[in-house]
Amino acid sequence: MVRVRAFLSRGRLTGCMLVGRGPQVWLGGAAALFLAFLCMPSLLSVYPSLRLLPRALSMATRPPEASAPAPTGSDYAAGSVSVVFVTCPNDKVAKTIARAAVEKRLAACVNLVPQVTSIYEWKGKVEEDSEVLMMMKTQTALAAPLTEFIRSVHPYEVVEVIALPVEQGNLPYLRWVKDSTAYPG
């Protein structure tokens, strides 16, 4: 049985490798593209969601200037609101942190997504845990104080806190996020 490993760089096929019982064969450029097209029908029958891959890759690799601009007359500054992702060991910890962040006006809203499976390397060992994912909406300017608050109350030694700016969204909601949060003072 021969398997094909594809290699992508910036969303583009850069080559592929034939892997089987014999020697491994590296193909690049046109040969890799040709092989990918040959294998595509069999891959699509097993993984029909791959049909969406070209569109997803083109959206992910689109240069920022090609993104749709904010509506004319909008008072929203792109990136002034962020979504902050935090994982917690259980529902109780997540609810406690979420409620406190909203009460302190560090977050306008926190969504809790239960039973997220996390697989990660920790202290030389691959771990797998069920966690609760918090999605916190806040002003980008509050991401640092929110992170410090989370670190001060979270039980993990190294807390996952990742803030991503919101470029676009429902303008009334984005205004509400800004109105519902305040810099601690």
N, C-alpha and C. Protein backbone atom coordinates (compact mmCIF):
# COMPACT_ATOMS: atom_id res chain seq x y z
N MET A 1 0.85 -1.18 0.00
CA MET A 1 0.00 0.00 0.00
C MET A 1 0.90 1.24 0.00
N VAL A 2 0.57 2.17 -0.86
CA VAL A 2 1.32 3.42 -0.96
C VAL A 2 0.45 4.53 -0.41
N ARG A 3 1.03 5.34 0.47
CA ARG A 3 0.32 6.50 1.00
C ARG A 3 0.98 7.75 0.44
N VAL A 4 0.20 8.82 0.42
CA VAL A 4 0.70 10.09 -0.07
C VAL A 4 0.66 11.08 1.08
N ARG A 5 1.79 11.73 1.36
CA ARG A 5 1.83 12.82 2.34
C ARG A 5 1.98 14.11 1.58
N ALA A 6 1.06 15.03 1.79
CA ALA A 6 1.13 16.34 1.13
C ALA A 6 1.78 17.33 2.08
N PHE A 7 2.51 18.28 1.52
CA PHE A 7 3.16 19.33 2.30
C PHE A 7 2.66 20.67 1.80
N LEU A 8 2.15 21.48 2.74
CA LEU A 8 1.61 22.78 2.40
C LEU A 8 2.47 23.87 3.01
N SER A 9 2.57 24.99 2.31
CA SER A 9 3.23 26.17 2.83
C SER A 9 2.38 27.36 2.44
N ARG A 10 1.91 28.10 3.45
CA ARG A 10 1.04 29.25 3.21
C ARG A 10 -0.17 28.88 2.36
N GLY A 11 -0.74 27.71 2.64
CA GLY A 11 -1.96 27.29 1.97
C GLY A 11 -1.75 26.75 0.57
N ARG A 12 -0.51 26.60 0.12
CA ARG A 12 -0.24 26.10 -1.22
C ARG A 12 0.51 24.77 -1.13
N LEU A 13 0.16 23.85 -2.03
CA LEU A 13 0.83 22.57 -2.09
C LEU A 13 2.26 22.78 -2.56
N THR A 14 3.23 22.39 -1.74
CA THR A 14 4.64 22.57 -2.11
C THR A 14 5.27 21.26 -2.52
N GLY A 15 4.67 20.16 -2.18
CA GLY A 15 5.21 18.87 -2.56
C GLY A 15 4.47 17.76 -1.89
N CYS A 16 4.82 16.54 -2.26
CA CYS A 16 4.23 15.41 -1.59
C CYS A 16 5.24 14.28 -1.60
N MET A 17 5.01 13.31 -0.73
CA MET A 17 5.93 12.20 -0.60
C MET A 17 5.13 10.92 -0.72
N LEU A 18 5.63 10.00 -1.53
CA LEU A 18 5.03 8.68 -1.62
C LEU A 18 5.67 7.82 -0.54
N VAL A 19 4.87 7.25 0.34
CA VAL A 19 5.37 6.47 1.45
C VAL A 19 4.80 5.06 1.33
N GLY A 20 5.64 4.07 1.28
CA GLY A 20 5.19 2.68 1.18
C GLY A 20 6.25 1.76 1.71
N ARG A 21 6.25 0.53 1.20
CA ARG A 21 7.24 -0.45 1.66
C ARG A 21 8.62 -0.16 1.07
N GLY A 22 8.67 0.38 -0.10
CA GLY A 22 9.95 0.67 -0.75
C GLY A 22 10.49 2.00 -0.30
N PRO A 23 11.41 2.55 -1.08
CA PRO A 23 11.98 3.85 -0.72
C PRO A 23 10.93 4.95 -0.82
N GLN A 24 11.09 5.97 0.02
CA GLN A 24 10.18 7.10 -0.03
C GLN A 24 10.58 7.98 -1.20
N VAL A 25 9.57 8.50 -1.91
CA VAL A 25 9.82 9.31 -3.09
C VAL A 25 9.25 10.70 -2.86
N TRP A 26 10.07 11.72 -3.01
CA TRP A 26 9.65 13.10 -2.86
C TRP A 26 9.30 13.66 -4.22
N LEU A 27 8.12 14.27 -4.31
CA LEU A 27 7.70 14.92 -5.55
C LEU A 27 7.45 16.39 -5.24
N GLY A 28 7.88 17.25 -6.10
CA GLY A 28 7.65 18.67 -5.91
C GLY A 28 7.03 19.27 -7.16
N GLY A 29 6.59 20.49 -7.02
CA GLY A 29 6.07 21.26 -8.16
C GLY A 29 4.93 20.60 -8.88
N ALA A 30 5.03 20.51 -10.22
CA ALA A 30 3.95 20.01 -11.07
C ALA A 30 3.64 18.55 -10.77
N ALA A 31 4.66 17.75 -10.46
CA ALA A 31 4.43 16.34 -10.17
C ALA A 31 3.56 16.18 -8.91
N ALA A 32 3.83 17.00 -7.91
CA ALA A 32 3.03 16.94 -6.68
C ALA A 32 1.59 17.35 -6.95
N LEU A 33 1.42 18.39 -7.74
CA LEU A 33 0.08 18.85 -8.09
C LEU A 33 -0.67 17.78 -8.86
N PHE A 34 0.00 17.14 -9.83
CA PHE A 34 -0.62 16.09 -10.62
C PHE A 34 -1.06 14.93 -9.73
N LEU A 35 -0.17 14.50 -8.81
CA LEU A 35 -0.50 13.41 -7.91
C LEU A 35 -1.67 13.78 -6.99
N ALA A 36 -1.69 15.02 -6.54
CA ALA A 36 -2.79 15.46 -5.68
C ALA A 36 -4.12 15.36 -6.42
N PHE A 37 -4.15 15.74 -7.69
CA PHE A 37 -5.38 15.63 -8.47
C PHE A 37 -5.77 14.17 -8.68
N LEU A 38 -4.78 13.30 -8.87
CA LEU A 38 -5.09 11.88 -9.03
C LEU A 38 -5.70 11.30 -7.77
N CYS A 39 -5.20 11.71 -6.63
CA CYS A 39 -5.66 11.16 -5.35
C CYS A 39 -6.95 11.82 -4.86
N MET A 40 -7.28 12.99 -5.36
CA MET A 40 -8.41 13.75 -4.84
C MET A 40 -9.73 12.99 -4.87
N PRO A 41 -10.11 12.30 -5.98
CA PRO A 41 -11.41 11.60 -5.95
C PRO A 41 -11.51 10.58 -4.83
N SER A 42 -10.44 9.81 -4.58
CA SER A 42 -10.52 8.82 -3.51
C SER A 42 -10.56 9.49 -2.14
N LEU A 43 -9.84 10.60 -1.98
CA LEU A 43 -9.88 11.32 -0.71
C LEU A 43 -11.25 11.92 -0.48
N LEU A 44 -11.87 12.48 -1.52
CA LEU A 44 -13.16 13.12 -1.36
C LEU A 44 -14.24 12.13 -0.99
N SER A 45 -14.13 10.88 -1.48
CA SER A 45 -15.15 9.89 -1.12
C SER A 45 -15.06 9.53 0.36
N VAL A 46 -13.85 9.57 0.93
CA VAL A 46 -13.67 9.24 2.34
C VAL A 46 -13.89 10.47 3.22
N TYR A 47 -13.42 11.63 2.76
CA TYR A 47 -13.50 12.88 3.52
C TYR A 47 -14.21 13.94 2.69
N PRO A 48 -15.55 13.90 2.59
CA PRO A 48 -16.27 14.87 1.73
C PRO A 48 -16.07 16.32 2.16
N SER A 49 -15.72 16.55 3.43
CA SER A 49 -15.52 17.94 3.87
C SER A 49 -14.28 18.57 3.23
N LEU A 50 -13.41 17.76 2.60
CA LEU A 50 -12.25 18.32 1.91
C LEU A 50 -12.65 19.22 0.74
N ARG A 51 -13.88 19.05 0.24
CA ARG A 51 -14.34 19.92 -0.85
C ARG A 51 -14.31 21.39 -0.44
N LEU A 52 -14.44 21.65 0.87
CA LEU A 52 -14.44 23.02 1.37
C LEU A 52 -13.03 23.57 1.56
N LEU A 53 -12.01 22.71 1.51
CA LEU A 53 -10.65 23.13 1.78
C LEU A 53 -10.14 24.25 0.88
N PRO A 54 -10.33 24.19 -0.44
CA PRO A 54 -9.81 25.30 -1.26
C PRO A 54 -10.40 26.64 -0.86
N ARG A 55 -11.70 26.68 -0.57
CA ARG A 55 -12.33 27.94 -0.17
C ARG A 55 -11.79 28.41 1.18
N ALA A 56 -11.65 27.47 2.12
CA ALA A 56 -11.13 27.83 3.45
C ALA A 56 -9.70 28.33 3.34
N LEU A 57 -8.88 27.68 2.53
CA LEU A 57 -7.50 28.12 2.38
C LEU A 57 -7.41 29.49 1.72
N SER A 58 -8.26 29.73 0.73
CA SER A 58 -8.21 31.04 0.07
C SER A 58 -8.67 32.14 1.02
N MET A 59 -9.64 31.83 1.90
CA MET A 59 -10.09 32.82 2.88
C MET A 59 -9.00 33.07 3.91
N ALA A 60 -8.30 32.00 4.33
CA ALA A 60 -7.27 32.15 5.36
C ALA A 60 -6.03 32.86 4.84
N THR A 61 -5.76 32.75 3.55
CA THR A 61 -4.55 33.34 3.01
C THR A 61 -4.80 34.66 2.29
N ARG A 62 -6.04 35.13 2.32
CA ARG A 62 -6.36 36.40 1.68
C ARG A 62 -5.63 37.52 2.39
N PRO A 63 -4.97 38.40 1.64
CA PRO A 63 -4.27 39.51 2.29
C PRO A 63 -5.25 40.43 3.02
N PRO A 64 -4.82 41.08 4.10
CA PRO A 64 -5.72 41.91 4.90
C PRO A 64 -6.44 42.97 4.07
N GLU A 65 -5.76 43.55 3.06
CA GLU A 65 -6.41 44.59 2.29
C GLU A 65 -7.58 44.07 1.45
N ALA A 66 -7.63 42.74 1.25
CA ALA A 66 -8.74 42.16 0.48
C ALA A 66 -9.95 41.89 1.36
N SER A 67 -9.80 41.99 2.68
CA SER A 67 -10.92 41.77 3.58
C SER A 67 -11.97 42.86 3.38
N ALA A 68 -13.21 42.50 3.63
CA ALA A 68 -14.28 43.48 3.48
C ALA A 68 -14.12 44.58 4.52
N PRO A 69 -14.24 45.83 4.11
CA PRO A 69 -14.10 46.93 5.07
C PRO A 69 -15.32 47.02 5.97
N ALA A 70 -15.15 47.71 7.08
CA ALA A 70 -16.28 47.95 7.98
C ALA A 70 -17.31 48.81 7.25
N PRO A 71 -18.59 48.66 7.58
CA PRO A 71 -19.61 49.45 6.90
C PRO A 71 -19.33 50.95 7.01
N THR A 72 -19.67 51.67 5.96
CA THR A 72 -19.47 53.11 5.95
C THR A 72 -20.27 53.75 7.07
N GLY A 73 -19.66 54.71 7.73
CA GLY A 73 -20.35 55.39 8.82
C GLY A 73 -20.26 54.65 10.14
N SER A 74 -19.52 53.54 10.17
CA SER A 74 -19.39 52.75 11.38
C SER A 74 -18.48 53.47 12.37
N ASP A 75 -18.86 53.44 13.64
CA ASP A 75 -18.01 54.02 14.66
C ASP A 75 -17.15 52.95 15.34
N TYR A 76 -17.14 51.74 14.80
CA TYR A 76 -16.36 50.66 15.36
C TYR A 76 -14.95 50.67 14.76
N ALA A 77 -13.96 50.70 15.62
CA ALA A 77 -12.57 50.60 15.18
C ALA A 77 -12.18 49.13 15.19
N ALA A 78 -11.84 48.60 14.01
CA ALA A 78 -11.48 47.19 13.89
C ALA A 78 -10.41 46.83 14.91
N GLY A 79 -10.65 45.73 15.63
CA GLY A 79 -9.69 45.26 16.62
C GLY A 79 -9.84 45.86 18.00
N SER A 80 -10.81 46.74 18.20
CA SER A 80 -10.97 47.37 19.53
C SER A 80 -11.70 46.46 20.52
N VAL A 81 -12.30 45.38 20.02
CA VAL A 81 -12.91 44.35 20.87
C VAL A 81 -12.15 43.06 20.61
N SER A 82 -11.96 42.26 21.65
CA SER A 82 -11.27 40.98 21.50
C SER A 82 -12.08 39.85 22.10
N VAL A 83 -11.82 38.66 21.61
CA VAL A 83 -12.34 37.44 22.21
C VAL A 83 -11.15 36.78 22.89
N VAL A 84 -11.31 36.47 24.16
CA VAL A 84 -10.23 35.88 24.95
C VAL A 84 -10.62 34.43 25.25
N PHE A 85 -9.76 33.51 24.88
CA PHE A 85 -9.99 32.08 25.11
C PHE A 85 -9.19 31.63 26.32
N VAL A 86 -9.87 30.91 27.23
CA VAL A 86 -9.24 30.41 28.44
C VAL A 86 -9.79 29.00 28.68
N THR A 87 -8.92 28.07 29.03
CA THR A 87 -9.39 26.73 29.40
C THR A 87 -9.34 26.57 30.91
N CYS A 88 -10.31 25.83 31.44
CA CYS A 88 -10.42 25.57 32.87
C CYS A 88 -10.57 24.06 33.10
N PRO A 89 -10.18 23.59 34.29
CA PRO A 89 -10.24 22.15 34.55
C PRO A 89 -11.66 21.61 34.70
N ASN A 90 -12.62 22.48 35.08
CA ASN A 90 -13.99 21.99 35.27
C ASN A 90 -14.97 23.16 35.23
N ASP A 91 -16.25 22.80 35.26
CA ASP A 91 -17.34 23.77 35.16
C ASP A 91 -17.36 24.74 36.34
N LYS A 92 -17.08 24.24 37.53
CA LYS A 92 -17.14 25.08 38.73
C LYS A 92 -16.10 26.20 38.66
N VAL A 93 -14.87 25.87 38.30
CA VAL A 93 -13.81 26.88 38.19
C VAL A 93 -14.15 27.87 37.08
N ALA A 94 -14.62 27.37 35.95
CA ALA A 94 -14.96 28.24 34.82
C ALA A 94 -16.07 29.23 35.20
N LYS A 95 -17.12 28.75 35.86
CA LYS A 95 -18.22 29.63 36.26
C LYS A 95 -17.77 30.68 37.27
N THR A 96 -16.93 30.28 38.20
CA THR A 96 -16.43 31.22 39.21
C THR A 96 -15.63 32.34 38.55
N ILE A 97 -14.70 31.98 37.66
CA ILE A 97 -13.88 32.97 36.98
C ILE A 97 -14.73 33.84 36.06
N ALA A 98 -15.65 33.22 35.32
CA ALA A 98 -16.51 33.96 34.39
C ALA A 98 -17.36 34.99 35.13
N ARG A 99 -18.01 34.57 36.19
CA ARG A 99 -18.87 35.48 36.95
C ARG A 99 -18.07 36.65 37.53
N ALA A 100 -16.89 36.36 38.08
CA ALA A 100 -16.06 37.42 38.65
C ALA A 100 -15.58 38.39 37.57
N ALA A 101 -15.21 37.89 36.40
CA ALA A 101 -14.75 38.76 35.31
C ALA A 101 -15.85 39.69 34.84
N VAL A 102 -17.09 39.18 34.78
CA VAL A 102 -18.22 40.02 34.37
C VAL A 102 -18.55 41.02 35.47
N GLU A 103 -18.56 40.58 36.73
CA GLU A 103 -18.84 41.49 37.84
C GLU A 103 -17.82 42.62 37.92
N LYS A 104 -16.56 42.33 37.62
CA LYS A 104 -15.50 43.34 37.65
C LYS A 104 -15.47 44.17 36.36
N ARG A 105 -16.37 43.86 35.45
CA ARG A 105 -16.48 44.55 34.14
C ARG A 105 -15.23 44.40 33.28
N LEU A 106 -14.48 43.31 33.53
CA LEU A 106 -13.34 42.99 32.68
C LEU A 106 -13.79 42.26 31.42
N ALA A 107 -14.97 41.64 31.48
CA ALA A 107 -15.57 40.96 30.33
C ALA A 107 -17.05 41.31 30.29
N ALA A 108 -17.57 41.48 29.08
CA ALA A 108 -18.99 41.76 28.92
C ALA A 108 -19.81 40.48 28.97
N CYS A 109 -19.26 39.42 28.41
CA CYS A 109 -19.97 38.15 28.29
C CYS A 109 -18.95 37.04 28.26
N VAL A 110 -19.29 35.91 28.87
CA VAL A 110 -18.42 34.74 28.84
C VAL A 110 -19.27 33.54 28.46
N ASN A 111 -18.90 32.87 27.38
CA ASN A 111 -19.55 31.62 26.98
C ASN A 111 -18.71 30.47 27.50
N LEU A 112 -19.37 29.46 28.06
CA LEU A 112 -18.67 28.27 28.55
C LEU A 112 -18.99 27.10 27.63
N VAL A 113 -17.95 26.50 27.09
CA VAL A 113 -18.10 25.35 26.20
C VAL A 113 -17.58 24.13 26.97
N PRO A 114 -18.48 23.25 27.42
CA PRO A 114 -18.05 22.12 28.24
C PRO A 114 -17.43 21.00 27.39
N GLN A 115 -16.72 20.13 28.07
CA GLN A 115 -16.19 18.89 27.50
C GLN A 115 -15.34 19.11 26.24
N VAL A 116 -14.42 20.05 26.33
CA VAL A 116 -13.44 20.24 25.27
C VAL A 116 -12.28 19.31 25.59
N THR A 117 -11.87 18.51 24.63
CA THR A 117 -10.73 17.62 24.84
C THR A 117 -9.46 18.34 24.44
N SER A 118 -8.53 18.43 25.37
CA SER A 118 -7.24 19.08 25.10
C SER A 118 -6.14 18.03 25.13
N ILE A 119 -5.31 18.03 24.11
CA ILE A 119 -4.16 17.13 24.03
C ILE A 119 -2.94 18.03 23.92
N TYR A 120 -2.01 17.85 24.83
CA TYR A 120 -0.88 18.76 24.90
C TYR A 120 0.32 18.06 25.54
N GLU A 121 1.49 18.65 25.36
CA GLU A 121 2.70 18.14 25.99
C GLU A 121 2.95 18.95 27.25
N TRP A 122 3.16 18.25 28.37
CA TRP A 122 3.43 18.94 29.63
C TRP A 122 4.50 18.17 30.38
N LYS A 123 5.61 18.85 30.63
CA LYS A 123 6.72 18.28 31.38
C LYS A 123 7.19 16.95 30.79
N GLY A 124 7.32 16.94 29.45
CA GLY A 124 7.87 15.78 28.75
C GLY A 124 6.90 14.65 28.49
N LYS A 125 5.63 14.83 28.79
CA LYS A 125 4.64 13.77 28.62
C LYS A 125 3.43 14.32 27.88
N VAL A 126 2.89 13.53 26.94
CA VAL A 126 1.69 13.94 26.24
C VAL A 126 0.49 13.65 27.14
N GLU A 127 -0.31 14.67 27.38
CA GLU A 127 -1.48 14.58 28.27
C GLU A 127 -2.76 14.74 27.46
N GLU A 128 -3.85 14.22 28.00
CA GLU A 128 -5.18 14.40 27.40
C GLU A 128 -6.16 14.63 28.54
N ASP A 129 -6.86 15.78 28.47
CA ASP A 129 -7.79 16.14 29.54
C ASP A 129 -9.09 16.68 28.95
N SER A 130 -10.16 16.52 29.71
CA SER A 130 -11.42 17.17 29.39
C SER A 130 -11.43 18.49 30.13
N GLU A 131 -11.69 19.58 29.41
CA GLU A 131 -11.67 20.91 30.01
C GLU A 131 -12.92 21.67 29.59
N VAL A 132 -13.08 22.84 30.19
CA VAL A 132 -14.14 23.77 29.82
C VAL A 132 -13.46 24.96 29.15
N LEU A 133 -13.93 25.33 27.97
CA LEU A 133 -13.38 26.47 27.24
C LEU A 133 -14.23 27.70 27.53
N MET A 134 -13.59 28.77 27.97
CA MET A 134 -14.29 30.04 28.16
C MET A 134 -13.96 30.93 26.97
N MET A 135 -15.01 31.55 26.40
CA MET A 135 -14.85 32.54 25.34
C MET A 135 -15.34 33.86 25.92
N MET A 136 -14.40 34.74 26.22
CA MET A 136 -14.71 35.99 26.91
C MET A 136 -14.63 37.15 25.92
N LYS A 137 -15.65 38.01 25.92
CA LYS A 137 -15.64 39.18 25.04
C LYS A 137 -15.34 40.42 25.86
N THR A 138 -14.36 41.19 25.40
CA THR A 138 -13.91 42.36 26.15
C THR A 138 -13.32 43.39 25.19
N GLN A 139 -13.01 44.55 25.73
CA GLN A 139 -12.27 45.54 24.95
C GLN A 139 -10.82 45.06 24.85
N THR A 140 -10.22 45.28 23.72
CA THR A 140 -8.82 44.88 23.53
C THR A 140 -7.92 45.53 24.57
N ALA A 141 -8.22 46.76 24.94
CA ALA A 141 -7.43 47.47 25.95
C ALA A 141 -7.51 46.80 27.31
N LEU A 142 -8.52 45.96 27.53
CA LEU A 142 -8.68 45.27 28.82
C LEU A 142 -8.08 43.86 28.81
N ALA A 143 -7.50 43.44 27.70
CA ALA A 143 -6.97 42.07 27.62
C ALA A 143 -5.87 41.83 28.66
N ALA A 144 -4.99 42.80 28.85
CA ALA A 144 -3.91 42.63 29.83
C ALA A 144 -4.44 42.55 31.27
N PRO A 145 -5.30 43.49 31.71
CA PRO A 145 -5.83 43.36 33.07
C PRO A 145 -6.68 42.10 33.26
N LEU A 146 -7.41 41.69 32.22
CA LEU A 146 -8.19 40.46 32.30
C LEU A 146 -7.26 39.26 32.46
N THR A 147 -6.18 39.24 31.70
CA THR A 147 -5.20 38.15 31.80
C THR A 147 -4.60 38.09 33.20
N GLU A 148 -4.24 39.23 33.75
CA GLU A 148 -3.67 39.25 35.10
C GLU A 148 -4.67 38.75 36.13
N PHE A 149 -5.94 39.15 35.99
CA PHE A 149 -6.97 38.67 36.91
C PHE A 149 -7.10 37.16 36.81
N ILE A 150 -7.18 36.64 35.59
CA ILE A 150 -7.34 35.20 35.39
C ILE A 150 -6.15 34.45 36.01
N ARG A 151 -4.95 34.94 35.76
CA ARG A 151 -3.76 34.29 36.32
C ARG A 151 -3.79 34.28 37.85
N SER A 152 -4.37 35.31 38.45
CA SER A 152 -4.38 35.40 39.92
C SER A 152 -5.37 34.44 40.57
N VAL A 153 -6.39 33.98 39.84
CA VAL A 153 -7.42 33.12 40.44
C VAL A 153 -7.48 31.72 39.83
N HIS A 154 -6.77 31.49 38.75
CA HIS A 154 -6.84 30.20 38.04
C HIS A 154 -5.95 29.16 38.71
N PRO A 155 -6.40 27.90 38.78
CA PRO A 155 -5.61 26.88 39.47
C PRO A 155 -4.42 26.33 38.66
N TYR A 156 -4.38 26.55 37.34
CA TYR A 156 -3.28 26.00 36.54
C TYR A 156 -1.98 26.74 36.80
N GLU A 157 -0.88 26.01 36.73
CA GLU A 157 0.46 26.59 36.86
C GLU A 157 0.73 27.53 35.68
N VAL A 158 0.39 27.09 34.47
CA VAL A 158 0.50 27.92 33.26
C VAL A 158 -0.89 27.98 32.64
N VAL A 159 -1.50 29.14 32.67
CA VAL A 159 -2.88 29.31 32.22
C VAL A 159 -2.90 29.65 30.73
N GLU A 160 -3.78 28.99 29.99
CA GLU A 160 -3.98 29.35 28.59
C GLU A 160 -4.89 30.57 28.53
N VAL A 161 -4.33 31.69 28.09
CA VAL A 161 -5.11 32.91 27.86
C VAL A 161 -4.67 33.43 26.50
N ILE A 162 -5.57 33.39 25.53
CA ILE A 162 -5.26 33.82 24.17
C ILE A 162 -6.30 34.84 23.74
N ALA A 163 -5.86 36.05 23.39
CA ALA A 163 -6.77 37.12 22.97
C ALA A 163 -6.65 37.32 21.47
N LEU A 164 -7.78 37.32 20.79
CA LEU A 164 -7.83 37.56 19.35
C LEU A 164 -8.71 38.77 19.07
N PRO A 165 -8.20 39.74 18.31
CA PRO A 165 -9.01 40.93 18.01
C PRO A 165 -10.15 40.62 17.04
N VAL A 166 -11.26 41.31 17.22
CA VAL A 166 -12.43 41.16 16.35
C VAL A 166 -12.36 42.25 15.29
N GLU A 167 -12.23 41.86 14.04
CA GLU A 167 -12.15 42.83 12.96
C GLU A 167 -13.53 43.36 12.58
N GLN A 168 -14.52 42.48 12.56
CA GLN A 168 -15.88 42.85 12.16
C GLN A 168 -16.88 42.07 13.00
N GLY A 169 -18.11 42.53 12.99
CA GLY A 169 -19.16 41.83 13.71
C GLY A 169 -20.43 42.67 13.72
N ASN A 170 -21.39 42.21 14.48
CA ASN A 170 -22.65 42.93 14.63
C ASN A 170 -22.37 44.20 15.44
N LEU A 171 -22.49 45.35 14.79
CA LEU A 171 -22.10 46.61 15.42
C LEU A 171 -22.82 46.88 16.74
N PRO A 172 -24.14 46.65 16.87
CA PRO A 172 -24.77 46.87 18.18
C PRO A 172 -24.16 45.98 19.27
N TYR A 173 -23.81 44.75 18.92
CA TYR A 173 -23.19 43.85 19.91
C TYR A 173 -21.80 44.37 20.30
N LEU A 174 -21.01 44.77 19.33
CA LEU A 174 -19.65 45.27 19.62
C LEU A 174 -19.71 46.53 20.47
N ARG A 175 -20.69 47.39 20.22
CA ARG A 175 -20.87 48.59 21.06
C ARG A 175 -21.24 48.18 22.48
N TRP A 176 -22.14 47.18 22.59
CA TRP A 176 -22.56 46.69 23.91
C TRP A 176 -21.36 46.14 24.69
N VAL A 177 -20.47 45.40 24.02
CA VAL A 177 -19.28 44.88 24.69
C VAL A 177 -18.47 46.04 25.26
N LYS A 178 -18.28 47.09 24.46
CA LYS A 178 -17.49 48.23 24.92
C LYS A 178 -18.19 48.95 26.07
N ASP A 179 -19.52 49.08 25.98
CA ASP A 179 -20.28 49.78 27.04
C ASP A 179 -20.36 48.97 28.33
N SER A 180 -20.24 47.64 28.22
CA SER A 180 -20.40 46.77 29.40
C SER A 180 -19.10 46.47 30.11
N THR A 181 -18.00 47.00 29.59
CA THR A 181 -16.70 46.75 30.21
C THR A 181 -16.06 48.08 30.58
N ALA A 182 -15.19 48.04 31.56
CA ALA A 182 -14.53 49.28 31.99
C ALA A 182 -13.15 48.95 32.54
N TYR A 183 -12.22 49.86 32.33
CA TYR A 183 -10.87 49.70 32.83
C TYR A 183 -10.91 49.76 34.35
N PRO A 184 -10.28 48.79 35.03
CA PRO A 184 -10.32 48.80 36.50
C PRO A 184 -9.65 50.05 37.07
N GLY A 185 -10.32 50.63 38.03
CA GLY A 185 -9.70 51.86 38.55
C GLY A 185 -10.19 52.29 39.85
